Amino acid sequence: MTEISVEHDAEHDRYVALLEGEPIGELVYRDTAEGRVFTHSGIVPEHEHHGYGTQMVRAGLDDTRQAGIRPIGQCPMVRNFLAEHPDYARPLER
């Protein structure tokens, strides 16, 4: 599986997945008093089914947890990831 890079675009409340410098997906969120609610995720159709969505979600959740923020999965991709990896459902201790 090819590795992607994921950039945090805090100005637009999203993480952007990049493959060879080109955007191929996004993970959108909104911050609330309860935590960071991930509302939408998507990978462009020609790059689906290569594991890029999982890499993007993992990177976004890693960044969120390292910031001490509780991740909340509203979109199905994040909700399913959190169900399969319950240790990701809480922020890291600082």
PDB file of N, CA and C in Angstrom:
ATOM      1  N   MET A   1       0.844  -1.173   0.000  1.00  0.00           N
ATOM      2  CA  MET A   1       0.000   0.000   0.000  1.00  0.00           C
ATOM      3  C   MET A   1       0.893   1.242   0.000  1.00  0.00           C
ATOM      4  N   THR A   2       0.575   2.173  -0.857  1.00  0.00           N
ATOM      5  CA  THR A   2       1.299   3.435  -0.933  1.00  0.00           C
ATOM      6  C   THR A   2       0.919   4.315   0.243  1.00  0.00           C
ATOM      7  N   GLU A   3       1.918   4.952   0.825  1.00  0.00           N
ATOM      8  CA  GLU A   3       1.666   5.871   1.936  1.00  0.00           C
ATOM      9  C   GLU A   3       1.212   7.219   1.396  1.00  0.00           C
ATOM     10  N   ILE A   4       0.290   7.821   2.106  1.00  0.00           N
ATOM     11  CA  ILE A   4      -0.142   9.173   1.794  1.00  0.00           C
ATOM     12  C   ILE A   4       0.366  10.092   2.895  1.00  0.00           C
ATOM     13  N   SER A   5       0.307  11.375   2.644  1.00  0.00           N
ATOM     14  CA  SER A   5       0.555  12.337   3.715  1.00  0.00           C
ATOM     15  C   SER A   5      -0.785  12.977   4.051  1.00  0.00           C
ATOM     16  N   VAL A   6      -0.925  13.381   5.291  1.00  0.00           N
ATOM     17  CA  VAL A   6      -2.165  14.011   5.739  1.00  0.00           C
ATOM     18  C   VAL A   6      -1.801  15.325   6.406  1.00  0.00           C
ATOM     19  N   GLU A   7      -2.397  16.395   5.909  1.00  0.00           N
ATOM     20  CA  GLU A   7      -2.145  17.727   6.456  1.00  0.00           C
ATOM     21  C   GLU A   7      -3.376  18.228   7.194  1.00  0.00           C
ATOM     22  N   HIS A   8      -3.147  18.895   8.314  1.00  0.00           N
ATOM     23  CA  HIS A   8      -4.235  19.499   9.081  1.00  0.00           C
ATOM     24  C   HIS A   8      -4.467  20.901   8.535  1.00  0.00           C
ATOM     25  N   ASP A   9      -5.619  21.122   7.958  1.00  0.00           N
ATOM     26  CA  ASP A   9      -6.028  22.431   7.444  1.00  0.00           C
ATOM     27  C   ASP A   9      -6.970  23.032   8.482  1.00  0.00           C
ATOM     28  N   ALA A  10      -6.393  23.553   9.567  1.00  0.00           N
ATOM     29  CA  ALA A  10      -7.190  24.050  10.695  1.00  0.00           C
ATOM     30  C   ALA A  10      -8.079  25.223  10.298  1.00  0.00           C
ATOM     31  N   GLU A  11      -7.651  26.004   9.331  1.00  0.00           N
ATOM     32  CA  GLU A  11      -8.449  27.151   8.883  1.00  0.00           C
ATOM     33  C   GLU A  11      -9.805  26.716   8.332  1.00  0.00           C
ATOM     34  N   HIS A  12      -9.853  25.505   7.751  1.00  0.00           N
ATOM     35  CA  HIS A  12     -11.095  24.984   7.178  1.00  0.00           C
ATOM     36  C   HIS A  12     -11.637  23.776   7.943  1.00  0.00           C
ATOM     37  N   ASP A  13     -11.138  23.553   9.158  1.00  0.00           N
ATOM     38  CA  ASP A  13     -11.604  22.455  10.017  1.00  0.00           C
ATOM     39  C   ASP A  13     -11.617  21.113   9.288  1.00  0.00           C
ATOM     40  N   ARG A  14     -10.462  20.743   8.773  1.00  0.00           N
ATOM     41  CA  ARG A  14     -10.376  19.472   8.055  1.00  0.00           C
ATOM     42  C   ARG A  14      -8.938  18.988   7.988  1.00  0.00           C
ATOM     43  N   TYR A  15      -8.817  17.713   7.685  1.00  0.00           N
ATOM     44  CA  TYR A  15      -7.542  17.092   7.354  1.00  0.00           C
ATOM     45  C   TYR A  15      -7.620  16.734   5.873  1.00  0.00           C
ATOM     46  N   VAL A  16      -6.526  16.929   5.156  1.00  0.00           N
ATOM     47  CA  VAL A  16      -6.496  16.658   3.722  1.00  0.00           C
ATOM     48  C   VAL A  16      -5.487  15.547   3.449  1.00  0.00           C
ATOM     49  N   ALA A  17      -5.937  14.513   2.734  1.00  0.00           N
ATOM     50  CA  ALA A  17      -5.065  13.415   2.338  1.00  0.00           C
ATOM     51  C   ALA A  17      -4.424  13.767   1.002  1.00  0.00           C
ATOM     52  N   LEU A  18      -3.098  13.606   0.938  1.00  0.00           N
ATOM     53  CA  LEU A  18      -2.349  13.933  -0.274  1.00  0.00           C
ATOM     54  C   LEU A  18      -1.596  12.703  -0.767  1.00  0.00           C
ATOM     55  N   LEU A  19      -1.700  12.455  -2.055  1.00  0.00           N
ATOM     56  CA  LEU A  19      -0.953  11.383  -2.705  1.00  0.00           C
ATOM     57  C   LEU A  19      -0.060  12.046  -3.742  1.00  0.00           C
ATOM     58  N   GLU A  20       1.238  11.951  -3.544  1.00  0.00           N
ATOM     59  CA  GLU A  20       2.208  12.607  -4.425  1.00  0.00           C
ATOM     60  C   GLU A  20       1.892  14.095  -4.566  1.00  0.00           C
ATOM     61  N   GLY A  21       1.485  14.722  -3.453  1.00  0.00           N
ATOM     62  CA  GLY A  21       1.214  16.154  -3.420  1.00  0.00           C
ATOM     63  C   GLY A  21      -0.157  16.584  -3.893  1.00  0.00           C
ATOM     64  N   GLU A  22      -0.952  15.654  -4.416  1.00  0.00           N
ATOM     65  CA  GLU A  22      -2.291  15.982  -4.917  1.00  0.00           C
ATOM     66  C   GLU A  22      -3.346  15.578  -3.890  1.00  0.00           C
ATOM     67  N   PRO A  23      -4.326  16.457  -3.616  1.00  0.00           N
ATOM     68  CA  PRO A  23      -5.378  16.098  -2.664  1.00  0.00           C
ATOM     69  C   PRO A  23      -6.267  14.986  -3.217  1.00  0.00           C
ATOM     70  N   ILE A  24      -6.463  13.958  -2.392  1.00  0.00           N
ATOM     71  CA  ILE A  24      -7.324  12.845  -2.810  1.00  0.00           C
ATOM     72  C   ILE A  24      -8.445  12.575  -1.810  1.00  0.00           C
ATOM     73  N   GLY A  25      -8.459  13.296  -0.700  1.00  0.00           N
ATOM     74  CA  GLY A  25      -9.509  13.060   0.285  1.00  0.00           C
ATOM     75  C   GLY A  25      -9.499  14.101   1.373  1.00  0.00           C
ATOM     76  N   GLU A  26     -10.593  14.103   2.141  1.00  0.00           N
ATOM     77  CA  GLU A  26     -10.681  15.028   3.265  1.00  0.00           C
ATOM     78  C   GLU A  26     -11.444  14.397   4.413  1.00  0.00           C
ATOM     79  N   LEU A  27     -11.110  14.862   5.598  1.00  0.00           N
ATOM     80  CA  LEU A  27     -11.746  14.440   6.841  1.00  0.00           C
ATOM     81  C   LEU A  27     -12.162  15.726   7.545  1.00  0.00           C
ATOM     82  N   VAL A  28     -13.464  15.998   7.551  1.00  0.00           N
ATOM     83  CA  VAL A  28     -14.002  17.270   8.035  1.00  0.00           C
ATOM     84  C   VAL A  28     -14.481  17.106   9.474  1.00  0.00           C
ATOM     85  N   TYR A  29     -14.280  18.136  10.280  1.00  0.00           N
ATOM     86  CA  TYR A  29     -14.689  18.089  11.682  1.00  0.00           C
ATOM     87  C   TYR A  29     -15.225  19.436  12.137  1.00  0.00           C
ATOM     88  N   ARG A  30     -15.827  19.415  13.325  1.00  0.00           N
ATOM     89  CA  ARG A  30     -16.148  20.660  14.034  1.00  0.00           C
ATOM     90  C   ARG A  30     -15.822  20.422  15.500  1.00  0.00           C
ATOM     91  N   ASP A  31     -15.199  21.405  16.117  1.00  0.00           N
ATOM     92  CA  ASP A  31     -14.855  21.304  17.528  1.00  0.00           C
ATOM     93  C   ASP A  31     -16.023  21.780  18.376  1.00  0.00           C
ATOM     94  N   THR A  32     -16.345  21.009  19.411  1.00  0.00           N
ATOM     95  CA  THR A  32     -17.427  21.335  20.332  1.00  0.00           C
ATOM     96  C   THR A  32     -16.894  21.220  21.757  1.00  0.00           C
ATOM     97  N   ALA A  33     -17.736  21.534  22.717  1.00  0.00           N
ATOM     98  CA  ALA A  33     -17.348  21.397  24.122  1.00  0.00           C
ATOM     99  C   ALA A  33     -17.080  19.933  24.479  1.00  0.00           C
ATOM    100  N   GLU A  34     -17.728  18.996  23.784  1.00  0.00           N
ATOM    101  CA  GLU A  34     -17.566  17.568  24.069  1.00  0.00           C
ATOM    102  C   GLU A  34     -16.322  16.975  23.424  1.00  0.00           C
ATOM    103  N   GLY A  35     -15.849  17.584  22.340  1.00  0.00           N
ATOM    104  CA  GLY A  35     -14.690  17.048  21.640  1.00  0.00           C
ATOM    105  C   GLY A  35     -14.690  17.462  20.181  1.00  0.00           C
ATOM    106  N   ARG A  36     -13.909  16.765  19.385  1.00  0.00           N
ATOM    107  CA  ARG A  36     -13.829  17.027  17.946  1.00  0.00           C
ATOM    108  C   ARG A  36     -14.754  16.042  17.241  1.00  0.00           C
ATOM    109  N   VAL A  37     -15.811  16.566  16.641  1.00  0.00           N
ATOM    110  CA  VAL A  37     -16.809  15.746  15.959  1.00  0.00           C
ATOM    111  C   VAL A  37     -16.425  15.640  14.486  1.00  0.00           C
ATOM    112  N   PHE A  38     -16.115  14.435  14.046  1.00  0.00           N
ATOM    113  CA  PHE A  38     -15.788  14.200  12.642  1.00  0.00           C
ATOM    114  C   PHE A  38     -17.091  13.972  11.885  1.00  0.00           C
ATOM    115  N   THR A  39     -17.409  14.911  10.987  1.00  0.00           N
ATOM    116  CA  THR A  39     -18.720  14.936  10.339  1.00  0.00           C
ATOM    117  C   THR A  39     -18.737  14.338   8.943  1.00  0.00           C
ATOM    118  N   HIS A  40     -17.599  14.297   8.279  1.00  0.00           N
ATOM    119  CA  HIS A  40     -17.571  13.808   6.892  1.00  0.00           C
ATOM    120  C   HIS A  40     -16.170  13.326   6.555  1.00  0.00           C
ATOM    121  N   SER A  41     -16.107  12.270   5.794  1.00  0.00           N
ATOM    122  CA  SER A  41     -14.832  11.813   5.250  1.00  0.00           C
ATOM    123  C   SER A  41     -15.077  11.289   3.850  1.00  0.00           C
ATOM    124  N   GLY A  42     -14.093  11.443   3.013  1.00  0.00           N
ATOM    125  CA  GLY A  42     -14.242  10.937   1.656  1.00  0.00           C
ATOM    126  C   GLY A  42     -12.919  10.904   0.922  1.00  0.00           C
ATOM    127  N   ILE A  43     -12.817   9.937   0.039  1.00  0.00           N
ATOM    128  CA  ILE A  43     -11.675   9.775  -0.856  1.00  0.00           C
ATOM    129  C   ILE A  43     -12.239   9.837  -2.272  1.00  0.00           C
ATOM    130  N   VAL A  44     -11.541  10.530  -3.176  1.00  0.00           N
ATOM    131  CA  VAL A  44     -12.039  10.616  -4.552  1.00  0.00           C
ATOM    132  C   VAL A  44     -12.165   9.205  -5.125  1.00  0.00           C
ATOM    133  N   PRO A  45     -13.210   8.973  -5.940  1.00  0.00           N
ATOM    134  CA  PRO A  45     -13.527   7.612  -6.394  1.00  0.00           C
ATOM    135  C   PRO A  45     -12.362   6.830  -7.000  1.00  0.00           C
ATOM    136  N   GLU A  46     -11.517   7.465  -7.791  1.00  0.00           N
ATOM    137  CA  GLU A  46     -10.435   6.702  -8.434  1.00  0.00           C
ATOM    138  C   GLU A  46      -9.370   6.226  -7.449  1.00  0.00           C
ATOM    139  N   HIS A  47      -9.427   6.701  -6.204  1.00  0.00           N
ATOM    140  CA  HIS A  47      -8.456   6.275  -5.193  1.00  0.00           C
ATOM    141  C   HIS A  47      -9.104   5.508  -4.036  1.00  0.00           C
ATOM    142  N   GLU A  48     -10.362   5.150  -4.183  1.00  0.00           N
ATOM    143  CA  GLU A  48     -11.032   4.355  -3.146  1.00  0.00           C
ATOM    144  C   GLU A  48     -10.493   2.923  -3.150  1.00  0.00           C
ATOM    145  N   HIS A  49     -10.676   2.242  -2.027  1.00  0.00           N
ATOM    146  CA  HIS A  49     -10.344   0.817  -1.878  1.00  0.00           C
ATOM    147  C   HIS A  49      -8.842   0.535  -1.940  1.00  0.00           C
ATOM    148  N   HIS A  50      -8.037   1.517  -1.510  1.00  0.00           N
ATOM    149  CA  HIS A  50      -6.587   1.320  -1.431  1.00  0.00           C
ATOM    150  C   HIS A  50      -6.079   1.532  -0.008  1.00  0.00           C
ATOM    151  N   GLY A  51      -6.997   1.727   0.936  1.00  0.00           N
ATOM    152  CA  GLY A  51      -6.603   1.943   2.323  1.00  0.00           C
ATOM    153  C   GLY A  51      -6.286   3.386   2.668  1.00  0.00           C
ATOM    154  N   TYR A  52      -6.460   4.300   1.715  1.00  0.00           N
ATOM    155  CA  TYR A  52      -6.138   5.705   1.969  1.00  0.00           C
ATOM    156  C   TYR A  52      -7.078   6.332   2.989  1.00  0.00           C
ATOM    157  N   GLY A  53      -8.340   5.943   2.954  1.00  0.00           N
ATOM    158  CA  GLY A  53      -9.298   6.475   3.929  1.00  0.00           C
ATOM    159  C   GLY A  53      -8.904   6.106   5.350  1.00  0.00           C
ATOM    160  N   THR A  54      -8.497   4.871   5.549  1.00  0.00           N
ATOM    161  CA  THR A  54      -8.064   4.427   6.874  1.00  0.00           C
ATOM    162  C   THR A  54      -6.816   5.181   7.322  1.00  0.00           C
ATOM    163  N   GLN A  55      -5.859   5.368   6.409  1.00  0.00           N
ATOM    164  CA  GLN A  55      -4.653   6.131   6.755  1.00  0.00           C
ATOM    165  C   GLN A  55      -5.011   7.566   7.145  1.00  0.00           C
ATOM    166  N   MET A  56      -5.943   8.165   6.406  1.00  0.00           N
ATOM    167  CA  MET A  56      -6.354   9.542   6.679  1.00  0.00           C
ATOM    168  C   MET A  56      -7.043   9.641   8.034  1.00  0.00           C
ATOM    169  N   VAL A  57      -7.962   8.725   8.309  1.00  0.00           N
ATOM    170  CA  VAL A  57      -8.676   8.734   9.587  1.00  0.00           C
ATOM    171  C   VAL A  57      -7.696   8.525  10.739  1.00  0.00           C
ATOM    172  N   ARG A  58      -6.802   7.576  10.609  1.00  0.00           N
ATOM    173  CA  ARG A  58      -5.824   7.307  11.670  1.00  0.00           C
ATOM    174  C   ARG A  58      -4.976   8.554  11.945  1.00  0.00           C
ATOM    175  N   ALA A  59      -4.528   9.240  10.899  1.00  0.00           N
ATOM    176  CA  ALA A  59      -3.712  10.450  11.076  1.00  0.00           C
ATOM    177  C   ALA A  59      -4.512  11.556  11.760  1.00  0.00           C
ATOM    178  N   GLY A  60      -5.761  11.743  11.351  1.00  0.00           N
ATOM    179  CA  GLY A  60      -6.602  12.765  11.977  1.00  0.00           C
ATOM    180  C   GLY A  60      -6.882  12.461  13.436  1.00  0.00           C
ATOM    181  N   LEU A  61      -7.132  11.196  13.738  1.00  0.00           N
ATOM    182  CA  LEU A  61      -7.384  10.808  15.124  1.00  0.00           C
ATOM    183  C   LEU A  61      -6.110  10.911  15.962  1.00  0.00           C
ATOM    184  N   ASP A  62      -4.972  10.528  15.393  1.00  0.00           N
ATOM    185  CA  ASP A  62      -3.703  10.668  16.122  1.00  0.00           C
ATOM    186  C   ASP A  62      -3.465  12.127  16.493  1.00  0.00           C
ATOM    187  N   ASP A  63      -3.652  13.026  15.537  1.00  0.00           N
ATOM    188  CA  ASP A  63      -3.436  14.452  15.784  1.00  0.00           C
ATOM    189  C   ASP A  63      -4.407  14.980  16.839  1.00  0.00           C
ATOM    190  N   THR A  64      -5.656  14.568  16.744  1.00  0.00           N
ATOM    191  CA  THR A  64      -6.691  15.003  17.691  1.00  0.00           C
ATOM    192  C   THR A  64      -6.359  14.537  19.101  1.00  0.00           C
ATOM    193  N   ARG A  65      -6.009  13.280  19.241  1.00  0.00           N
ATOM    194  CA  ARG A  65      -5.695  12.729  20.556  1.00  0.00           C
ATOM    195  C   ARG A  65      -4.442  13.365  21.139  1.00  0.00           C
ATOM    196  N   GLN A  66      -3.432  13.611  20.305  1.00  0.00           N
ATOM    197  CA  GLN A  66      -2.204  14.243  20.793  1.00  0.00           C
ATOM    198  C   GLN A  66      -2.464  15.663  21.274  1.00  0.00           C
ATOM    199  N   ALA A  67      -3.496  16.298  20.726  1.00  0.00           N
ATOM    200  CA  ALA A  67      -3.874  17.646  21.165  1.00  0.00           C
ATOM    201  C   ALA A  67      -4.707  17.606  22.445  1.00  0.00           C
ATOM    202  N   GLY A  68      -4.999  16.399  22.948  1.00  0.00           N
ATOM    203  CA  GLY A  68      -5.788  16.262  24.171  1.00  0.00           C
ATOM    204  C   GLY A  68      -7.278  16.426  23.956  1.00  0.00           C
ATOM    205  N   ILE A  69      -7.718  16.247  22.714  1.00  0.00           N
ATOM    206  CA  ILE A  69      -9.130  16.418  22.362  1.00  0.00           C
ATOM    207  C   ILE A  69      -9.768  15.047  22.179  1.00  0.00           C
ATOM    208  N   ARG A  70     -10.982  14.889  22.679  1.00  0.00           N
ATOM    209  CA  ARG A  70     -11.718  13.630  22.532  1.00  0.00           C
ATOM    210  C   ARG A  70     -12.299  13.548  21.121  1.00  0.00           C
ATOM    211  N   PRO A  71     -11.984  12.490  20.357  1.00  0.00           N
ATOM    212  CA  PRO A  71     -12.563  12.328  19.028  1.00  0.00           C
ATOM    213  C   PRO A  71     -13.963  11.720  19.106  1.00  0.00           C
ATOM    214  N   ILE A  72     -14.859  12.237  18.285  1.00  0.00           N
ATOM    215  CA  ILE A  72     -16.238  11.746  18.224  1.00  0.00           C
ATOM    216  C   ILE A  72     -16.550  11.433  16.766  1.00  0.00           C
ATOM    217  N   GLY A  73     -16.937  10.204  16.492  1.00  0.00           N
ATOM    218  CA  GLY A  73     -17.224   9.790  15.120  1.00  0.00           C
ATOM    219  C   GLY A  73     -18.687   9.953  14.768  1.00  0.00           C
ATOM    220  N   GLN A  74     -18.984  10.930  13.931  1.00  0.00           N
ATOM    221  CA  GLN A  74     -20.341  11.092  13.414  1.00  0.00           C
ATOM    222  C   GLN A  74     -20.441  10.462  12.026  1.00  0.00           C
ATOM    223  N   CYS A  75     -19.399  10.604  11.215  1.00  0.00           N
ATOM    224  CA  CYS A  75     -19.431   9.995   9.885  1.00  0.00           C
ATOM    225  C   CYS A  75     -19.139   8.498  10.030  1.00  0.00           C
ATOM    226  N   PRO A  76     -19.699   7.679   9.145  1.00  0.00           N
ATOM    227  CA  PRO A  76     -19.552   6.225   9.273  1.00  0.00           C
ATOM    228  C   PRO A  76     -18.105   5.731   9.295  1.00  0.00           C
ATOM    229  N   MET A  77     -17.222   6.313   8.479  1.00  0.00           N
ATOM    230  CA  MET A  77     -15.844   5.821   8.432  1.00  0.00           C
ATOM    231  C   MET A  77     -15.151   5.981   9.785  1.00  0.00           C
ATOM    232  N   VAL A  78     -15.305   7.141  10.405  1.00  0.00           N
ATOM    233  CA  VAL A  78     -14.673   7.381  11.705  1.00  0.00           C
ATOM    234  C   VAL A  78     -15.370   6.565  12.785  1.00  0.00           C
ATOM    235  N   ARG A  79     -16.686   6.510  12.748  1.00  0.00           N
ATOM    236  CA  ARG A  79     -17.434   5.732  13.739  1.00  0.00           C
ATOM    237  C   ARG A  79     -16.999   4.269  13.702  1.00  0.00           C
ATOM    238  N   ASN A  80     -16.868   3.698  12.513  1.00  0.00           N
ATOM    239  CA  ASN A  80     -16.436   2.303  12.381  1.00  0.00           C
ATOM    240  C   ASN A  80     -14.996   2.114  12.857  1.00  0.00           C
ATOM    241  N   PHE A  81     -14.120   3.058  12.538  1.00  0.00           N
ATOM    242  CA  PHE A  81     -12.726   2.969  12.982  1.00  0.00           C
ATOM    243  C   PHE A  81     -12.662   2.973  14.503  1.00  0.00           C
ATOM    244  N   LEU A  82     -13.415   3.877  15.132  1.00  0.00           N
ATOM    245  CA  LEU A  82     -13.411   3.951  16.596  1.00  0.00           C
ATOM    246  C   LEU A  82     -13.984   2.678  17.223  1.00  0.00           C
ATOM    247  N   ALA A  83     -14.980   2.071  16.584  1.00  0.00           N
ATOM    248  CA  ALA A  83     -15.546   0.824  17.099  1.00  0.00           C
ATOM    249  C   ALA A  83     -14.520  -0.311  17.023  1.00  0.00           C
ATOM    250  N   GLU A  84     -13.715  -0.327  15.968  1.00  0.00           N
ATOM    251  CA  GLU A  84     -12.706  -1.369  15.791  1.00  0.00           C
ATOM    252  C   GLU A  84     -11.438  -1.105  16.603  1.00  0.00           C
ATOM    253  N   HIS A  85     -11.203   0.153  16.970  1.00  0.00           N
ATOM    254  CA  HIS A  85     -10.007   0.552  17.717  1.00  0.00           C
ATOM    255  C   HIS A  85     -10.427   1.422  18.901  1.00  0.00           C
ATOM    256  N   PRO A  86     -11.038   0.830  19.925  1.00  0.00           N
ATOM    257  CA  PRO A  86     -11.590   1.625  21.032  1.00  0.00           C
ATOM    258  C   PRO A  86     -10.560   2.474  21.773  1.00  0.00           C
ATOM    259  N   ASP A  87      -9.281   2.109  21.697  1.00  0.00           N
ATOM    260  CA  ASP A  87      -8.249   2.921  22.346  1.00  0.00           C
ATOM    261  C   ASP A  87      -8.134   4.307  21.707  1.00  0.00           C
ATOM    262  N   TYR A  88      -8.621   4.469  20.493  1.00  0.00           N
ATOM    263  CA  TYR A  88      -8.598   5.772  19.825  1.00  0.00           C
ATOM    264  C   TYR A  88      -9.730   6.683  20.286  1.00  0.00           C
ATOM    265  N   ALA A  89     -10.660   6.181  21.062  1.00  0.00           N
ATOM    266  CA  ALA A  89     -11.845   6.956  21.444  1.00  0.00           C
ATOM    267  C   ALA A  89     -11.594   7.939  22.584  1.00  0.00           C
ATOM    268  N   ARG A  90     -10.390   7.961  23.112  1.00  0.00           N
ATOM    269  CA  ARG A  90     -10.106   8.906  24.204  1.00  0.00           C
ATOM    270  C   ARG A  90      -8.801   9.641  23.906  1.00  0.00           C
ATOM    271  N   PRO A  91      -8.691  10.875  24.419  1.00  0.00           N
ATOM    272  CA  PRO A  91      -7.463  11.638  24.183  1.00  0.00           C
ATOM    273  C   PRO A  91      -6.297  11.054  24.964  1.00  0.00           C
ATOM    274  N   LEU A  92      -5.098  11.366  24.518  1.00  0.00           N
ATOM    275  CA  LEU A  92      -3.900  10.932  25.232  1.00  0.00           C
ATOM    276  C   LEU A  92      -3.716  11.775  26.478  1.00  0.00           C
ATOM    277  N   GLU A  93      -3.174  11.165  27.512  1.00  0.00           N
ATOM    278  CA  GLU A  93      -2.866  11.897  28.742  1.00  0.00           C
ATOM    279  C   GLU A  93      -1.711  12.842  28.462  1.00  0.00           C
ATOM    280  N   ARG A  94      -1.809  14.033  28.975  1.00  0.00           N
ATOM    281  CA  ARG A  94      -0.728  15.014  28.763  1.00  0.00           C
ATOM    282  C   ARG A  94       0.140  15.092  29.986  1.00  0.00           C
TER     283      ARG A  94
END
